C-alpha cells in the first residue's frame, strides 16, 4: 500500500485531466456507469459466496453433534 502514497492531489488532477482528454466529457459518465454496475455485480457475487459459506458452516455445526453421538455408539459396540 505504500506505493499509493505518491498519489497526492496534483497527481490526481493531472490523471483526471488526461482521462478527460482521452475519453472526452460524454464518454466518462458511460464508463463510470459501467464501472459501477461491475462493482455492484462483484459485491453481489461476494455476498452470495459468503452466505453459502455461512449456510454450510451452520449445517455442519448442526450435523456434528449427531455424528459424534453415532461415533460413540459405534465404538461402544
PDB file of N, CA and C in Angstrom:
ATOM      1  N   UNK A   1       0.816  -1.195   0.000  1.00  0.00           N
ATOM      2  CA  UNK A   1       0.000   0.000   0.000  1.00  0.00           C
ATOM      3  C   UNK A   1       0.858   1.257   0.000  1.00  0.00           C
ATOM      4  N   UNK A   2       2.095   1.145   0.370  1.00  0.00           N
ATOM      5  CA  UNK A   2       2.950   2.314   0.422  1.00  0.00           C
ATOM      6  C   UNK A   2       3.201   2.913  -0.950  1.00  0.00           C
ATOM      7  N   UNK A   3       3.084   2.110  -2.008  1.00  0.00           N
ATOM      8  CA  UNK A   3       3.313   2.634  -3.343  1.00  0.00           C
ATOM      9  C   UNK A   3       2.196   3.575  -3.793  1.00  0.00           C
ATOM     10  N   UNK A   4       1.067   3.601  -3.122  1.00  0.00           N
ATOM     11  CA  UNK A   4      -0.027   4.504  -3.472  1.00  0.00           C
ATOM     12  C   UNK A   4       0.095   5.865  -2.798  1.00  0.00           C
ATOM     13  N   UNK A   5       1.077   6.038  -1.959  1.00  0.00           N
ATOM     14  CA  UNK A   5       1.218   7.292  -1.236  1.00  0.00           C
ATOM     15  C   UNK A   5       1.621   8.455  -2.138  1.00  0.00           C
ATOM     16  N   UNK A   6       2.176   8.169  -3.320  1.00  0.00           N
ATOM     17  CA  UNK A   6       2.591   9.238  -4.210  1.00  0.00           C
ATOM     18  C   UNK A   6       1.400   9.914  -4.897  1.00  0.00           C
ATOM     19  N   UNK A   7       0.205   9.394  -4.714  1.00  0.00           N
ATOM     20  CA  UNK A   7      -0.979   9.965  -5.358  1.00  0.00           C
ATOM     21  C   UNK A   7      -1.547  11.110  -4.518  1.00  0.00           C
ATOM     22  N   UNK A   8      -0.859  12.225  -4.507  1.00  0.00           N
ATOM     23  CA  UNK A   8      -1.398  13.391  -3.821  1.00  0.00           C
ATOM     24  C   UNK A   8      -2.307  14.162  -4.777  1.00  0.00           C
ATOM     25  N   UNK A   9      -2.885  15.245  -4.350  1.00  0.00           N
ATOM     26  CA  UNK A   9      -3.908  15.940  -5.131  1.00  0.00           C
ATOM     27  C   UNK A   9      -3.428  16.449  -6.494  1.00  0.00           C
ATOM     28  N   UNK A  10      -2.225  17.022  -6.670  1.00  0.00           N
ATOM     29  CA  UNK A  10      -1.822  17.443  -8.017  1.00  0.00           C
ATOM     30  C   UNK A  10      -1.718  16.272  -8.994  1.00  0.00           C
ATOM     31  N   UNK A  11      -1.241  15.134  -8.526  1.00  0.00           N
ATOM     32  CA  UNK A  11      -1.121  13.965  -9.402  1.00  0.00           C
ATOM     33  C   UNK A  11      -2.499  13.466  -9.805  1.00  0.00           C
ATOM     34  N   UNK A  12      -3.418  13.448  -8.873  1.00  0.00           N
ATOM     35  CA  UNK A  12      -4.786  13.004  -9.182  1.00  0.00           C
ATOM     36  C   UNK A  12      -5.436  13.946 -10.190  1.00  0.00           C
ATOM     37  N   UNK A  13      -5.214  15.241 -10.054  1.00  0.00           N
ATOM     38  CA  UNK A  13      -5.778  16.212 -11.001  1.00  0.00           C
ATOM     39  C   UNK A  13      -5.199  16.001 -12.395  1.00  0.00           C
ATOM     40  N   UNK A  14      -3.911  15.759 -12.501  1.00  0.00           N
ATOM     41  CA  UNK A  14      -3.281  15.515 -13.798  1.00  0.00           C
ATOM     42  C   UNK A  14      -3.844  14.243 -14.423  1.00  0.00           C
ATOM     43  N   UNK A  15      -3.995  13.192 -13.631  1.00  0.00           N
ATOM     44  CA  UNK A  15      -4.567  11.937 -14.146  1.00  0.00           C
ATOM     45  C   UNK A  15      -5.992  12.163 -14.630  1.00  0.00           C
ATOM     46  N   UNK A  16      -6.787  12.922 -13.880  1.00  0.00           N
ATOM     47  CA  UNK A  16      -8.165  13.208 -14.284  1.00  0.00           C
ATOM     48  C   UNK A  16      -8.205  13.996 -15.588  1.00  0.00           C
ATOM     49  N   UNK A  17      -7.311  14.961 -15.752  1.00  0.00           N
ATOM     50  CA  UNK A  17      -7.265  15.745 -16.995  1.00  0.00           C
ATOM     51  C   UNK A  17      -6.873  14.880 -18.190  1.00  0.00           C
ATOM     52  N   UNK A  18      -5.905  13.992 -18.008  1.00  0.00           N
ATOM     53  CA  UNK A  18      -5.512  13.084 -19.089  1.00  0.00           C
ATOM     54  C   UNK A  18      -6.667  12.161 -19.439  1.00  0.00           C
ATOM     55  N   UNK A  19      -7.350  11.667 -18.428  1.00  0.00           N
ATOM     56  CA  UNK A  19      -8.517  10.801 -18.638  1.00  0.00           C
ATOM     57  C   UNK A  19      -9.598  11.544 -19.420  1.00  0.00           C
ATOM     58  N   UNK A  20      -9.820  12.801 -19.081  1.00  0.00           N
ATOM     59  CA  UNK A  20     -10.819  13.630 -19.767  1.00  0.00           C
ATOM     60  C   UNK A  20     -10.422  13.863 -21.216  1.00  0.00           C
ATOM     61  N   UNK A  21      -9.147  14.107 -21.464  1.00  0.00           N
ATOM     62  CA  UNK A  21      -8.679  14.324 -22.835  1.00  0.00           C
ATOM     63  C   UNK A  21      -8.785  13.054 -23.673  1.00  0.00           C
ATOM     64  N   UNK A  22      -8.499  11.917 -23.079  1.00  0.00           N
ATOM     65  CA  UNK A  22      -8.533  10.664 -23.833  1.00  0.00           C
ATOM     66  C   UNK A  22      -9.954  10.223 -24.181  1.00  0.00           C
ATOM     67  N   UNK A  23     -10.863  10.331 -23.237  1.00  0.00           N
ATOM     68  CA  UNK A  23     -12.200   9.780 -23.439  1.00  0.00           C
ATOM     69  C   UNK A  23     -13.254  10.829 -23.741  1.00  0.00           C
ATOM     70  N   UNK A  24     -13.001  12.077 -23.466  1.00  0.00           N
ATOM     71  CA  UNK A  24     -13.983  13.116 -23.724  1.00  0.00           C
ATOM     72  C   UNK A  24     -15.031  13.179 -22.627  1.00  0.00           C
ATOM     73  N   UNK A  25     -15.716  14.307 -22.554  1.00  0.00           N
ATOM     74  CA  UNK A  25     -16.692  14.537 -21.499  1.00  0.00           C
ATOM     75  C   UNK A  25     -17.929  13.671 -21.595  1.00  0.00           C
ATOM     76  N   UNK A  26     -18.294  13.256 -22.815  1.00  0.00           N
ATOM     77  CA  UNK A  26     -19.536  12.485 -22.991  1.00  0.00           C
ATOM     78  C   UNK A  26     -19.347  11.011 -22.642  1.00  0.00           C
ATOM     79  N   UNK A  27     -18.155  10.487 -22.821  1.00  0.00           N
ATOM     80  CA  UNK A  27     -17.917   9.061 -22.577  1.00  0.00           C
ATOM     81  C   UNK A  27     -17.686   8.740 -21.102  1.00  0.00           C
ATOM     82  N   UNK A  28     -17.210   9.687 -20.327  1.00  0.00           N
ATOM     83  CA  UNK A  28     -16.858   9.421 -18.930  1.00  0.00           C
ATOM     84  C   UNK A  28     -18.065   8.951 -18.112  1.00  0.00           C
ATOM     85  N   UNK A  29     -19.248   9.595 -18.219  1.00  0.00           N
ATOM     86  CA  UNK A  29     -20.394   9.073 -17.442  1.00  0.00           C
ATOM     87  C   UNK A  29     -20.769   7.647 -17.822  1.00  0.00           C
ATOM     88  N   UNK A  30     -20.661   7.318 -19.120  1.00  0.00           N
ATOM     89  CA  UNK A  30     -20.967   5.955 -19.552  1.00  0.00           C
ATOM     90  C   UNK A  30     -19.960   4.966 -18.963  1.00  0.00           C
ATOM     91  N   UNK A  31     -18.691   5.352 -18.964  1.00  0.00           N
ATOM     92  CA  UNK A  31     -17.662   4.472 -18.399  1.00  0.00           C
ATOM     93  C   UNK A  31     -17.861   4.281 -16.900  1.00  0.00           C
ATOM     94  N   UNK A  32     -18.189   5.340 -16.201  1.00  0.00           N
ATOM     95  CA  UNK A  32     -18.389   5.244 -14.752  1.00  0.00           C
ATOM     96  C   UNK A  32     -19.637   4.426 -14.427  1.00  0.00           C
ATOM     97  N   UNK A  33     -20.663   4.542 -15.264  1.00  0.00           N
ATOM     98  CA  UNK A  33     -21.880   3.743 -15.061  1.00  0.00           C
ATOM     99  C   UNK A  33     -21.566   2.257 -15.217  1.00  0.00           C
ATOM    100  N   UNK A  34     -20.802   1.928 -16.246  1.00  0.00           N
ATOM    101  CA  UNK A  34     -20.397   0.533 -16.445  1.00  0.00           C
ATOM    102  C   UNK A  34     -19.531   0.030 -15.311  1.00  0.00           C
ATOM    103  N   UNK A  35     -18.629   0.882 -14.837  1.00  0.00           N
ATOM    104  CA  UNK A  35     -17.773   0.511 -13.713  1.00  0.00           C
ATOM    105  C   UNK A  35     -18.603   0.279 -12.450  1.00  0.00           C
ATOM    106  N   UNK A  36     -19.590   1.137 -12.224  1.00  0.00           N
ATOM    107  CA  UNK A  36     -20.466   0.984 -11.057  1.00  0.00           C
ATOM    108  C   UNK A  36     -21.263  -0.305 -11.113  1.00  0.00           C
ATOM    109  N   UNK A  37     -21.770  -0.638 -12.303  1.00  0.00           N
ATOM    110  CA  UNK A  37     -22.519  -1.896 -12.450  1.00  0.00           C
ATOM    111  C   UNK A  37     -21.617  -3.100 -12.199  1.00  0.00           C
ATOM    112  N   UNK A  38     -20.380  -3.013 -12.687  1.00  0.00           N
ATOM    113  CA  UNK A  38     -19.440  -4.109 -12.476  1.00  0.00           C
ATOM    114  C   UNK A  38     -19.121  -4.303 -11.003  1.00  0.00           C
ATOM    115  N   UNK A  39     -18.909  -3.200 -10.290  1.00  0.00           N
ATOM    116  CA  UNK A  39     -18.613  -3.281  -8.860  1.00  0.00           C
ATOM    117  C   UNK A  39     -19.810  -3.831  -8.097  1.00  0.00           C
ATOM    118  N   UNK A  40     -21.017  -3.388  -8.473  1.00  0.00           N
ATOM    119  CA  UNK A  40     -22.229  -3.875  -7.810  1.00  0.00           C
ATOM    120  C   UNK A  40     -22.384  -5.384  -8.022  1.00  0.00           C
ATOM    121  N   UNK A  41     -22.148  -5.836  -9.245  1.00  0.00           N
ATOM    122  CA  UNK A  41     -22.257  -7.257  -9.549  1.00  0.00           C
ATOM    123  C   UNK A  41     -21.223  -8.066  -8.766  1.00  0.00           C
ATOM    124  N   UNK A  42     -20.015  -7.535  -8.666  1.00  0.00           N
ATOM    125  CA  UNK A  42     -18.955  -8.211  -7.912  1.00  0.00           C
ATOM    126  C   UNK A  42     -19.330  -8.328  -6.446  1.00  0.00           C
ATOM    127  N   UNK A  43     -19.858  -7.257  -5.863  1.00  0.00           N
ATOM    128  CA  UNK A  43     -20.251  -7.282  -4.454  1.00  0.00           C
ATOM    129  C   UNK A  43     -21.380  -8.279  -4.218  1.00  0.00           C
ATOM    130  N   UNK A  44     -22.355  -8.324  -5.144  1.00  0.00           N
ATOM    131  CA  UNK A  44     -23.454  -9.295  -5.003  1.00  0.00           C
ATOM    132  C   UNK A  44     -22.918 -10.715  -5.043  1.00  0.00           C
ATOM    133  N   UNK A  45     -21.977 -10.974  -5.951  1.00  0.00           N
ATOM    134  CA  UNK A  45     -21.380 -12.299  -6.035  1.00  0.00           C
ATOM    135  C   UNK A  45     -20.632 -12.662  -4.763  1.00  0.00           C
ATOM    136  N   UNK A  46     -19.897 -11.709  -4.217  1.00  0.00           N
ATOM    137  CA  UNK A  46     -19.167 -11.955  -2.971  1.00  0.00           C
ATOM    138  C   UNK A  46     -20.130 -12.227  -1.818  1.00  0.00           C
ATOM    139  N   UNK A  47     -21.246 -11.489  -1.764  1.00  0.00           N
ATOM    140  CA  UNK A  47     -22.234 -11.716  -0.707  1.00  0.00           C
ATOM    141  C   UNK A  47     -22.856 -13.102  -0.833  1.00  0.00           C
ATOM    142  N   UNK A  48     -23.114 -13.539  -2.071  1.00  0.00           N
ATOM    143  CA  UNK A  48     -23.669 -14.874  -2.276  1.00  0.00           C
ATOM    144  C   UNK A  48     -22.706 -15.947  -1.774  1.00  0.00           C
ATOM    145  N   UNK A  49     -21.432 -15.775  -2.094  1.00  0.00           N
ATOM    146  CA  UNK A  49     -20.428 -16.751  -1.654  1.00  0.00           C
ATOM    147  C   UNK A  49     -20.335 -16.767  -0.129  1.00  0.00           C
ATOM    148  N   UNK A  50     -20.325 -15.586   0.487  1.00  0.00           N
ATOM    149  CA  UNK A  50     -20.265 -15.515   1.944  1.00  0.00           C
ATOM    150  C   UNK A  50     -21.481 -16.190   2.581  1.00  0.00           C
ATOM    151  N   UNK A  51     -22.662 -15.964   2.004  1.00  0.00           N
ATOM    152  CA  UNK A  51     -23.878 -16.583   2.541  1.00  0.00           C
ATOM    153  C   UNK A  51     -23.827 -18.103   2.403  1.00  0.00           C
ATOM    154  N   UNK A  52     -23.327 -18.594   1.267  1.00  0.00           N
ATOM    155  CA  UNK A  52     -23.214 -20.036   1.080  1.00  0.00           C
ATOM    156  C   UNK A  52     -22.250 -20.643   2.094  1.00  0.00           C
ATOM    157  N   UNK A  53     -21.153 -19.948   2.350  1.00  0.00           N
ATOM    158  CA  UNK A  53     -20.181 -20.445   3.323  1.00  0.00           C
ATOM    159  C   UNK A  53     -20.799 -20.465   4.715  1.00  0.00           C
ATOM    160  N   UNK A  54     -21.504 -19.399   5.081  1.00  0.00           N
ATOM    161  CA  UNK A  54     -22.150 -19.344   6.390  1.00  0.00           C
ATOM    162  C   UNK A  54     -23.190 -20.447   6.526  1.00  0.00           C
ATOM    163  N   UNK A  55     -23.990 -20.648   5.453  1.00  0.00           N
ATOM    164  CA  UNK A  55     -25.008 -21.700   5.494  1.00  0.00           C
ATOM    165  C   UNK A  55     -24.371 -23.076   5.651  1.00  0.00           C
ATOM    166  N   UNK A  56     -23.291 -23.322   4.929  1.00  0.00           N
ATOM    167  CA  UNK A  56     -22.669 -24.647   5.013  1.00  0.00           C
ATOM    168  C   UNK A  56     -22.032 -24.873   6.384  1.00  0.00           C
ATOM    169  N   UNK A  57     -21.478 -23.820   6.979  1.00  0.00           N
ATOM    170  CA  UNK A  57     -20.900 -23.997   8.316  1.00  0.00           C
ATOM    171  C   UNK A  57     -21.992 -24.195   9.355  1.00  0.00           C
ATOM    172  N   UNK A  58     -23.145 -23.548   9.171  1.00  0.00           N
ATOM    173  CA  UNK A  58     -24.249 -23.744  10.119  1.00  0.00           C
ATOM    174  C   UNK A  58     -24.779 -25.162   9.998  1.00  0.00           C
ATOM    175  N   UNK A  59     -24.885 -25.669   8.772  1.00  0.00           N
ATOM    176  CA  UNK A  59     -25.350 -27.039   8.582  1.00  0.00           C
ATOM    177  C   UNK A  59     -24.357 -28.018   9.194  1.00  0.00           C
ATOM    178  N   UNK A  60     -23.082 -27.737   9.029  1.00  0.00           N
ATOM    179  CA  UNK A  60     -22.058 -28.614   9.583  1.00  0.00           C
ATOM    180  C   UNK A  60     -22.121 -28.623  11.105  1.00  0.00           C
ATOM    181  N   UNK A  61     -22.336 -27.463  11.697  1.00  0.00           N
ATOM    182  CA  UNK A  61     -22.439 -27.392  13.157  1.00  0.00           C
ATOM    183  C   UNK A  61     -23.655 -28.154  13.660  1.00  0.00           C
ATOM    184  N   UNK A  62     -24.750 -28.088  12.887  1.00  0.00           N
ATOM    185  CA  UNK A  62     -25.959 -28.816  13.290  1.00  0.00           C
ATOM    186  C   UNK A  62     -25.752 -30.318  13.177  1.00  0.00           C
ATOM    187  N   UNK A  63     -24.990 -30.759  12.174  1.00  0.00           N
ATOM    188  CA  UNK A  63     -24.789 -32.185  11.952  1.00  0.00           C
ATOM    189  C   UNK A  63     -23.714 -32.774  12.853  1.00  0.00           C
ATOM    190  N   UNK A  64     -22.769 -31.990  13.291  1.00  0.00           N
ATOM    191  CA  UNK A  64     -21.631 -32.538  14.031  1.00  0.00           C
ATOM    192  C   UNK A  64     -22.017 -33.200  15.357  1.00  0.00           C
ATOM    193  N   UNK A  65     -22.952 -32.699  16.156  1.00  0.00           N
ATOM    194  CA  UNK A  65     -23.306 -33.441  17.388  1.00  0.00           C
ATOM    195  C   UNK A  65     -23.906 -34.809  17.091  1.00  0.00           C
ATOM    196  N   UNK A  66     -24.672 -34.932  16.024  1.00  0.00           N
ATOM    197  CA  UNK A  66     -25.238 -36.222  15.654  1.00  0.00           C
ATOM    198  C   UNK A  66     -24.122 -37.194  15.298  1.00  0.00           C
ATOM    199  N   UNK A  67     -23.156 -36.693  14.531  1.00  0.00           N
ATOM    200  CA  UNK A  67     -22.060 -37.546  14.107  1.00  0.00           C
ATOM    201  C   UNK A  67     -21.271 -38.046  15.309  1.00  0.00           C
ATOM    202  N   UNK A  68     -21.027 -37.198  16.275  1.00  0.00           N
ATOM    203  CA  UNK A  68     -20.255 -37.626  17.442  1.00  0.00           C
ATOM    204  C   UNK A  68     -21.034 -38.636  18.262  1.00  0.00           C
ATOM    205  N   UNK A  69     -22.362 -38.498  18.357  1.00  0.00           N
ATOM    206  CA  UNK A  69     -23.172 -39.472  19.085  1.00  0.00           C
ATOM    207  C   UNK A  69     -23.132 -40.812  18.383  1.00  0.00           C
ATOM    208  N   UNK A  70     -23.223 -40.804  17.042  1.00  0.00           N
ATOM    209  CA  UNK A  70     -23.181 -42.049  16.289  1.00  0.00           C
ATOM    210  C   UNK A  70     -21.828 -42.727  16.449  1.00  0.00           C
ATOM    211  N   UNK A  71     -20.740 -41.928  16.445  1.00  0.00           N
ATOM    212  CA  UNK A  71     -19.405 -42.492  16.597  1.00  0.00           C
ATOM    213  C   UNK A  71     -19.259 -43.143  17.977  1.00  0.00           C
ATOM    214  N   UNK A  72     -19.822 -42.521  19.023  1.00  0.00           N
ATOM    215  CA  UNK A  72     -19.739 -43.079  20.359  1.00  0.00           C
ATOM    216  C   UNK A  72     -20.494 -44.398  20.430  1.00  0.00           C
ATOM    217  N   UNK A  73     -21.678 -44.445  19.777  1.00  0.00           N
ATOM    218  CA  UNK A  73     -22.460 -45.670  19.784  1.00  0.00           C
ATOM    219  C   UNK A  73     -21.727 -46.773  19.041  1.00  0.00           C
ATOM    220  N   UNK A  74     -21.085 -46.425  17.910  1.00  0.00           N
ATOM    221  CA  UNK A  74     -20.360 -47.415  17.146  1.00  0.00           C
ATOM    222  C   UNK A  74     -19.152 -47.950  17.926  1.00  0.00           C
ATOM    223  N   UNK A  75     -18.477 -47.083  18.630  1.00  0.00           N
ATOM    224  CA  UNK A  75     -17.300 -47.506  19.372  1.00  0.00           C
ATOM    225  C   UNK A  75     -17.697 -48.344  20.601  1.00  0.00           C
ATOM    226  N   UNK A  76     -18.898 -48.138  21.145  1.00  0.00           N
ATOM    227  CA  UNK A  76     -19.355 -48.893  22.296  1.00  0.00           C
ATOM    228  C   UNK A  76     -19.703 -50.320  21.935  1.00  0.00           C
ATOM    229  N   UNK A  77     -20.051 -50.556  20.683  1.00  0.00           N
ATOM    230  CA  UNK A  77     -20.414 -51.913  20.240  1.00  0.00           C
ATOM    231  C   UNK A  77     -19.212 -52.711  20.095  1.00  0.00           C
TER     232      UNK A  77
END
